[in-house]
Amino acid sequence: MKVSNITNVDKFFEVIDSCKGKVELVTGEGDRLNLKSKLSQYVSLANIFSNGEIPELEILASEKEDIDKLLNFMMQG
């Protein structure tokens, strides 16, 4: 799923942390980074945004419940 215009990065990470299954960021090169890892969160996302906003990401979630959480976050913020 593609997510875009994430302005509340802290809340985004809270949603990621609450997911039960794997949540991965797909890079432009096709690599998959585990977003449940704090180190991956800081290292990978620090390279994606510099002004406090994440313009667009491709994220894969392994559990339907987690997909629903992410979609809810994107709709309600």
PDB file of N, CA and C in Angstrom:
ATOM      1  N   MET A   1       0.845  -1.167   0.000  1.00  0.00           N
ATOM      2  CA  MET A   1       0.000   0.000   0.000  1.00  0.00           C
ATOM      3  C   MET A   1       0.889   1.229   0.000  1.00  0.00           C
ATOM      4  N   LYS A   2       0.463   2.229  -0.709  1.00  0.00           N
ATOM      5  CA  LYS A   2       1.190   3.499  -0.709  1.00  0.00           C
ATOM      6  C   LYS A   2       0.516   4.427   0.288  1.00  0.00           C
ATOM      7  N   VAL A   3       1.317   5.040   1.116  1.00  0.00           N
ATOM      8  CA  VAL A   3       0.818   6.031   2.066  1.00  0.00           C
ATOM      9  C   VAL A   3       1.494   7.353   1.738  1.00  0.00           C
ATOM     10  N   SER A   4       0.769   8.441   1.957  1.00  0.00           N
ATOM     11  CA  SER A   4       1.340   9.737   1.584  1.00  0.00           C
ATOM     12  C   SER A   4       0.945  10.820   2.569  1.00  0.00           C
ATOM     13  N   ASN A   5       1.698  11.892   2.523  1.00  0.00           N
ATOM     14  CA  ASN A   5       1.460  13.096   3.320  1.00  0.00           C
ATOM     15  C   ASN A   5       1.311  12.810   4.807  1.00  0.00           C
ATOM     16  N   ILE A   6       2.251  12.088   5.358  1.00  0.00           N
ATOM     17  CA  ILE A   6       2.248  11.815   6.798  1.00  0.00           C
ATOM     18  C   ILE A   6       2.860  13.017   7.495  1.00  0.00           C
ATOM     19  N   THR A   7       2.024  13.750   8.211  1.00  0.00           N
ATOM     20  CA  THR A   7       2.523  14.933   8.904  1.00  0.00           C
ATOM     21  C   THR A   7       2.745  14.669  10.388  1.00  0.00           C
ATOM     22  N   ASN A   8       2.039  13.690  10.962  1.00  0.00           N
ATOM     23  CA  ASN A   8       2.210  13.338  12.365  1.00  0.00           C
ATOM     24  C   ASN A   8       3.060  12.076  12.437  1.00  0.00           C
ATOM     25  N   VAL A   9       4.358  12.251  12.358  1.00  0.00           N
ATOM     26  CA  VAL A   9       5.295  11.136  12.297  1.00  0.00           C
ATOM     27  C   VAL A   9       5.265  10.326  13.591  1.00  0.00           C
ATOM     28  N   ASP A  10       5.141  10.983  14.746  1.00  0.00           N
ATOM     29  CA  ASP A  10       5.091  10.265  16.017  1.00  0.00           C
ATOM     30  C   ASP A  10       3.895   9.326  16.069  1.00  0.00           C
ATOM     31  N   LYS A  11       2.747   9.799  15.651  1.00  0.00           N
ATOM     32  CA  LYS A  11       1.541   8.968  15.636  1.00  0.00           C
ATOM     33  C   LYS A  11       1.699   7.823  14.635  1.00  0.00           C
ATOM     34  N   PHE A  12       2.320   8.087  13.500  1.00  0.00           N
ATOM     35  CA  PHE A  12       2.566   7.055  12.499  1.00  0.00           C
ATOM     36  C   PHE A  12       3.385   5.917  13.110  1.00  0.00           C
ATOM     37  N   PHE A  13       4.449   6.264  13.845  1.00  0.00           N
ATOM     38  CA  PHE A  13       5.272   5.248  14.490  1.00  0.00           C
ATOM     39  C   PHE A  13       4.502   4.507  15.586  1.00  0.00           C
ATOM     40  N   GLU A  14       3.610   5.196  16.294  1.00  0.00           N
ATOM     41  CA  GLU A  14       2.778   4.528  17.303  1.00  0.00           C
ATOM     42  C   GLU A  14       1.899   3.462  16.653  1.00  0.00           C
ATOM     43  N   VAL A  15       1.326   3.796  15.509  1.00  0.00           N
ATOM     44  CA  VAL A  15       0.491   2.830  14.789  1.00  0.00           C
ATOM     45  C   VAL A  15       1.347   1.652  14.333  1.00  0.00           C
ATOM     46  N   ILE A  16       2.528   1.928  13.784  1.00  0.00           N
ATOM     47  CA  ILE A  16       3.438   0.856  13.356  1.00  0.00           C
ATOM     48  C   ILE A  16       3.785  -0.042  14.543  1.00  0.00           C
ATOM     49  N   ASP A  17       4.114   0.564  15.681  1.00  0.00           N
ATOM     50  CA  ASP A  17       4.505  -0.210  16.867  1.00  0.00           C
ATOM     51  C   ASP A  17       3.356  -1.074  17.392  1.00  0.00           C
ATOM     52  N   SER A  18       2.117  -0.649  17.179  1.00  0.00           N
ATOM     53  CA  SER A  18       0.965  -1.406  17.678  1.00  0.00           C
ATOM     54  C   SER A  18       0.576  -2.569  16.761  1.00  0.00           C
ATOM     55  N   CYS A  19       1.168  -2.649  15.590  1.00  0.00           N
ATOM     56  CA  CYS A  19       0.851  -3.731  14.656  1.00  0.00           C
ATOM     57  C   CYS A  19       1.385  -5.055  15.184  1.00  0.00           C
ATOM     58  N   LYS A  20       0.638  -6.123  14.923  1.00  0.00           N
ATOM     59  CA  LYS A  20       1.017  -7.449  15.425  1.00  0.00           C
ATOM     60  C   LYS A  20       1.966  -8.179  14.484  1.00  0.00           C
ATOM     61  N   GLY A  21       1.808  -7.997  13.186  1.00  0.00           N
ATOM     62  CA  GLY A  21       2.636  -8.696  12.203  1.00  0.00           C
ATOM     63  C   GLY A  21       3.768  -7.826  11.690  1.00  0.00           C
ATOM     64  N   LYS A  22       4.387  -8.298  10.615  1.00  0.00           N
ATOM     65  CA  LYS A  22       5.483  -7.550  10.009  1.00  0.00           C
ATOM     66  C   LYS A  22       4.941  -6.336   9.260  1.00  0.00           C
ATOM     67  N   VAL A  23       5.644  -5.225   9.375  1.00  0.00           N
ATOM     68  CA  VAL A  23       5.350  -4.021   8.605  1.00  0.00           C
ATOM     69  C   VAL A  23       6.677  -3.594   7.992  1.00  0.00           C
ATOM     70  N   GLU A  24       6.689  -3.530   6.671  1.00  0.00           N
ATOM     71  CA  GLU A  24       7.947  -3.251   5.982  1.00  0.00           C
ATOM     72  C   GLU A  24       7.811  -2.042   5.070  1.00  0.00           C
ATOM     73  N   LEU A  25       8.888  -1.285   4.994  1.00  0.00           N
ATOM     74  CA  LEU A  25       9.011  -0.176   4.057  1.00  0.00           C
ATOM     75  C   LEU A  25       9.710  -0.715   2.822  1.00  0.00           C
ATOM     76  N   VAL A  26       9.134  -0.465   1.652  1.00  0.00           N
ATOM     77  CA  VAL A  26       9.758  -0.885   0.401  1.00  0.00           C
ATOM     78  C   VAL A  26      10.491   0.330  -0.165  1.00  0.00           C
ATOM     79  N   THR A  27      11.796   0.196  -0.330  1.00  0.00           N
ATOM     80  CA  THR A  27      12.601   1.303  -0.850  1.00  0.00           C
ATOM     81  C   THR A  27      12.454   1.394  -2.367  1.00  0.00           C
ATOM     82  N   GLY A  28      12.955   2.451  -2.942  1.00  0.00           N
ATOM     83  CA  GLY A  28      12.940   2.625  -4.387  1.00  0.00           C
ATOM     84  C   GLY A  28      13.701   1.541  -5.121  1.00  0.00           C
ATOM     85  N   GLU A  29      14.653   0.925  -4.447  1.00  0.00           N
ATOM     86  CA  GLU A  29      15.448  -0.148  -5.041  1.00  0.00           C
ATOM     87  C   GLU A  29      14.800  -1.517  -4.846  1.00  0.00           C
ATOM     88  N   GLY A  30      13.651  -1.563  -4.131  1.00  0.00           N
ATOM     89  CA  GLY A  30      12.967  -2.822  -3.903  1.00  0.00           C
ATOM     90  C   GLY A  30      13.347  -3.528  -2.619  1.00  0.00           C
ATOM     91  N   ASP A  31      14.250  -2.928  -1.838  1.00  0.00           N
ATOM     92  CA  ASP A  31      14.619  -3.517  -0.546  1.00  0.00           C
ATOM     93  C   ASP A  31      13.453  -3.356   0.427  1.00  0.00           C
ATOM     94  N   ARG A  32      13.354  -4.281   1.368  1.00  0.00           N
ATOM     95  CA  ARG A  32      12.317  -4.216   2.388  1.00  0.00           C
ATOM     96  C   ARG A  32      12.966  -4.018   3.745  1.00  0.00           C
ATOM     97  N   LEU A  33      12.555  -2.962   4.434  1.00  0.00           N
ATOM     98  CA  LEU A  33      13.099  -2.645   5.755  1.00  0.00           C
ATOM     99  C   LEU A  33      12.015  -2.832   6.805  1.00  0.00           C
ATOM    100  N   ASN A  34      12.345  -3.518   7.887  1.00  0.00           N
ATOM    101  CA  ASN A  34      11.413  -3.794   8.970  1.00  0.00           C
ATOM    102  C   ASN A  34      11.128  -2.505   9.746  1.00  0.00           C
ATOM    103  N   LEU A  35       9.902  -1.980   9.614  1.00  0.00           N
ATOM    104  CA  LEU A  35       9.566  -0.740  10.318  1.00  0.00           C
ATOM    105  C   LEU A  35       9.241  -0.954  11.787  1.00  0.00           C
ATOM    106  N   LYS A  36       9.164  -2.190  12.235  1.00  0.00           N
ATOM    107  CA  LYS A  36       8.949  -2.432  13.655  1.00  0.00           C
ATOM    108  C   LYS A  36      10.251  -2.289  14.425  1.00  0.00           C
ATOM    109  N   SER A  37      11.362  -2.258  13.733  1.00  0.00           N
ATOM    110  CA  SER A  37      12.671  -2.050  14.353  1.00  0.00           C
ATOM    111  C   SER A  37      12.895  -0.548  14.524  1.00  0.00           C
ATOM    112  N   LYS A  38      13.191  -0.132  15.729  1.00  0.00           N
ATOM    113  CA  LYS A  38      13.455   1.298  15.986  1.00  0.00           C
ATOM    114  C   LYS A  38      14.638   1.799  15.167  1.00  0.00           C
ATOM    115  N   LEU A  39      15.664   0.983  15.063  1.00  0.00           N
ATOM    116  CA  LEU A  39      16.825   1.386  14.281  1.00  0.00           C
ATOM    117  C   LEU A  39      16.435   1.613  12.822  1.00  0.00           C
ATOM    118  N   SER A  40      15.665   0.705  12.256  1.00  0.00           N
ATOM    119  CA  SER A  40      15.215   0.879  10.865  1.00  0.00           C
ATOM    120  C   SER A  40      14.344   2.114  10.718  1.00  0.00           C
ATOM    121  N   GLN A  41      13.492   2.369  11.709  1.00  0.00           N
ATOM    122  CA  GLN A  41      12.637   3.561  11.653  1.00  0.00           C
ATOM    123  C   GLN A  41      13.488   4.814  11.544  1.00  0.00           C
ATOM    124  N   TYR A  42      14.461   4.940  12.407  1.00  0.00           N
ATOM    125  CA  TYR A  42      15.267   6.155  12.422  1.00  0.00           C
ATOM    126  C   TYR A  42      16.185   6.276  11.214  1.00  0.00           C
ATOM    127  N   VAL A  43      16.834   5.202  10.869  1.00  0.00           N
ATOM    128  CA  VAL A  43      17.792   5.256   9.765  1.00  0.00           C
ATOM    129  C   VAL A  43      17.100   5.438   8.421  1.00  0.00           C
ATOM    130  N   SER A  44      16.097   4.613   8.149  1.00  0.00           N
ATOM    131  CA  SER A  44      15.462   4.664   6.836  1.00  0.00           C
ATOM    132  C   SER A  44      14.636   5.928   6.644  1.00  0.00           C
ATOM    133  N   LEU A  45      13.870   6.319   7.640  1.00  0.00           N
ATOM    134  CA  LEU A  45      13.003   7.472   7.464  1.00  0.00           C
ATOM    135  C   LEU A  45      13.749   8.795   7.564  1.00  0.00           C
ATOM    136  N   ALA A  46      14.880   8.810   8.226  1.00  0.00           N
ATOM    137  CA  ALA A  46      15.673  10.038   8.265  1.00  0.00           C
ATOM    138  C   ALA A  46      16.149  10.413   6.870  1.00  0.00           C
ATOM    139  N   ASN A  47      16.343   9.402   6.029  1.00  0.00           N
ATOM    140  CA  ASN A  47      16.771   9.666   4.660  1.00  0.00           C
ATOM    141  C   ASN A  47      15.610  10.078   3.753  1.00  0.00           C
ATOM    142  N   ILE A  48      14.383   9.772   4.144  1.00  0.00           N
ATOM    143  CA  ILE A  48      13.229  10.038   3.284  1.00  0.00           C
ATOM    144  C   ILE A  48      12.692  11.449   3.474  1.00  0.00           C
ATOM    145  N   PHE A  49      12.674  11.930   4.710  1.00  0.00           N
ATOM    146  CA  PHE A  49      12.126  13.272   4.928  1.00  0.00           C
ATOM    147  C   PHE A  49      13.087  14.108   5.759  1.00  0.00           C
ATOM    148  N   SER A  50      13.055  15.391   5.491  1.00  0.00           N
ATOM    149  CA  SER A  50      13.928  16.275   6.254  1.00  0.00           C
ATOM    150  C   SER A  50      13.172  17.447   6.852  1.00  0.00           C
ATOM    151  N   ASN A  51      11.917  17.656   6.448  1.00  0.00           N
ATOM    152  CA  ASN A  51      11.155  18.809   6.954  1.00  0.00           C
ATOM    153  C   ASN A  51      10.028  18.386   7.893  1.00  0.00           C
ATOM    154  N   GLY A  52      10.045  17.164   8.435  1.00  0.00           N
ATOM    155  CA  GLY A  52       9.016  16.721   9.363  1.00  0.00           C
ATOM    156  C   GLY A  52       7.791  16.141   8.695  1.00  0.00           C
ATOM    157  N   GLU A  53       7.832  15.939   7.392  1.00  0.00           N
ATOM    158  CA  GLU A  53       6.699  15.372   6.671  1.00  0.00           C
ATOM    159  C   GLU A  53       7.199  14.268   5.753  1.00  0.00           C
ATOM    160  N   ILE A  54       6.446  13.191   5.674  1.00  0.00           N
ATOM    161  CA  ILE A  54       6.795  12.096   4.783  1.00  0.00           C
ATOM    162  C   ILE A  54       5.868  12.178   3.575  1.00  0.00           C
ATOM    163  N   PRO A  55       6.395  12.492   2.391  1.00  0.00           N
ATOM    164  CA  PRO A  55       5.534  12.699   1.229  1.00  0.00           C
ATOM    165  C   PRO A  55       4.853  11.428   0.735  1.00  0.00           C
ATOM    166  N   GLU A  56       5.581  10.328   0.544  1.00  0.00           N
ATOM    167  CA  GLU A  56       4.973   9.083   0.075  1.00  0.00           C
ATOM    168  C   GLU A  56       5.883   7.908   0.380  1.00  0.00           C
ATOM    169  N   LEU A  57       5.265   6.809   0.834  1.00  0.00           N
ATOM    170  CA  LEU A  57       5.979   5.579   1.136  1.00  0.00           C
ATOM    171  C   LEU A  57       5.185   4.396   0.611  1.00  0.00           C
ATOM    172  N   GLU A  58       5.880   3.314   0.297  1.00  0.00           N
ATOM    173  CA  GLU A  58       5.197   2.058   0.025  1.00  0.00           C
ATOM    174  C   GLU A  58       5.449   1.154   1.217  1.00  0.00           C
ATOM    175  N   ILE A  59       4.350   0.685   1.814  1.00  0.00           N
ATOM    176  CA  ILE A  59       4.434  -0.132   3.021  1.00  0.00           C
ATOM    177  C   ILE A  59       3.704  -1.444   2.778  1.00  0.00           C
ATOM    178  N   LEU A  60       4.286  -2.527   3.271  1.00  0.00           N
ATOM    179  CA  LEU A  60       3.659  -3.842   3.230  1.00  0.00           C
ATOM    180  C   LEU A  60       3.390  -4.288   4.659  1.00  0.00           C
ATOM    181  N   ALA A  61       2.169  -4.736   4.911  1.00  0.00           N
ATOM    182  CA  ALA A  61       1.819  -5.284   6.223  1.00  0.00           C
ATOM    183  C   ALA A  61       1.337  -6.714   6.023  1.00  0.00           C
ATOM    184  N   SER A  62       1.750  -7.597   6.923  1.00  0.00           N
ATOM    185  CA  SER A  62       1.444  -9.017   6.746  1.00  0.00           C
ATOM    186  C   SER A  62       0.079  -9.420   7.287  1.00  0.00           C
ATOM    187  N   GLU A  63      -0.490  -8.636   8.178  1.00  0.00           N
ATOM    188  CA  GLU A  63      -1.767  -8.980   8.801  1.00  0.00           C
ATOM    189  C   GLU A  63      -2.873  -8.026   8.354  1.00  0.00           C
ATOM    190  N   LYS A  64      -4.050  -8.570   8.085  1.00  0.00           N
ATOM    191  CA  LYS A  64      -5.205  -7.752   7.667  1.00  0.00           C
ATOM    192  C   LYS A  64      -5.527  -6.697   8.717  1.00  0.00           C
ATOM    193  N   GLU A  65      -5.469  -7.086   9.982  1.00  0.00           N
ATOM    194  CA  GLU A  65      -5.739  -6.161  11.086  1.00  0.00           C
ATOM    195  C   GLU A  65      -4.775  -4.963  11.056  1.00  0.00           C
ATOM    196  N   ASP A  66      -3.523  -5.218  10.723  1.00  0.00           N
ATOM    197  CA  ASP A  66      -2.526  -4.153  10.650  1.00  0.00           C
ATOM    198  C   ASP A  66      -2.789  -3.233   9.464  1.00  0.00           C
ATOM    199  N   ILE A  67      -3.203  -3.812   8.348  1.00  0.00           N
ATOM    200  CA  ILE A  67      -3.559  -3.003   7.172  1.00  0.00           C
ATOM    201  C   ILE A  67      -4.700  -2.066   7.538  1.00  0.00           C
ATOM    202  N   ASP A  68      -5.692  -2.588   8.247  1.00  0.00           N
ATOM    203  CA  ASP A  68      -6.827  -1.762   8.671  1.00  0.00           C
ATOM    204  C   ASP A  68      -6.378  -0.618   9.576  1.00  0.00           C
ATOM    205  N   LYS A  69      -5.440  -0.897  10.495  1.00  0.00           N
ATOM    206  CA  LYS A  69      -4.914   0.153  11.382  1.00  0.00           C
ATOM    207  C   LYS A  69      -4.230   1.258  10.574  1.00  0.00           C
ATOM    208  N   LEU A  70      -3.422   0.839   9.608  1.00  0.00           N
ATOM    209  CA  LEU A  70      -2.698   1.812   8.794  1.00  0.00           C
ATOM    210  C   LEU A  70      -3.656   2.639   7.938  1.00  0.00           C
ATOM    211  N   LEU A  71      -4.662   1.982   7.364  1.00  0.00           N
ATOM    212  CA  LEU A  71      -5.655   2.703   6.567  1.00  0.00           C
ATOM    213  C   LEU A  71      -6.437   3.690   7.441  1.00  0.00           C
ATOM    214  N   ASN A  72      -6.784   3.260   8.626  1.00  0.00           N
ATOM    215  CA  ASN A  72      -7.508   4.140   9.557  1.00  0.00           C
ATOM    216  C   ASN A  72      -6.657   5.359   9.889  1.00  0.00           C
ATOM    217  N   PHE A  73      -5.377   5.154  10.141  1.00  0.00           N
ATOM    218  CA  PHE A  73      -4.474   6.275  10.422  1.00  0.00           C
ATOM    219  C   PHE A  73      -4.444   7.251   9.241  1.00  0.00           C
ATOM    220  N   MET A  74      -4.354   6.704   8.038  1.00  0.00           N
ATOM    221  CA  MET A  74      -4.271   7.569   6.858  1.00  0.00           C
ATOM    222  C   MET A  74      -5.555   8.373   6.646  1.00  0.00           C
ATOM    223  N   MET A  75      -6.684   7.795   7.000  1.00  0.00           N
ATOM    224  CA  MET A  75      -7.965   8.481   6.811  1.00  0.00           C
ATOM    225  C   MET A  75      -8.253   9.487   7.914  1.00  0.00           C
ATOM    226  N   GLN A  76      -7.884   9.142   9.149  1.00  0.00           N
ATOM    227  CA  GLN A  76      -8.232   9.990  10.288  1.00  0.00           C
ATOM    228  C   GLN A  76      -7.067  10.794  10.835  1.00  0.00           C
ATOM    229  N   GLY A  77      -5.860  10.391  10.491  1.00  0.00           N
ATOM    230  CA  GLY A  77      -4.686  11.134  10.934  1.00  0.00           C
ATOM    231  C   GLY A  77      -4.214  10.826  12.285  1.00  0.00           C
TER     232      GLY A  77
END
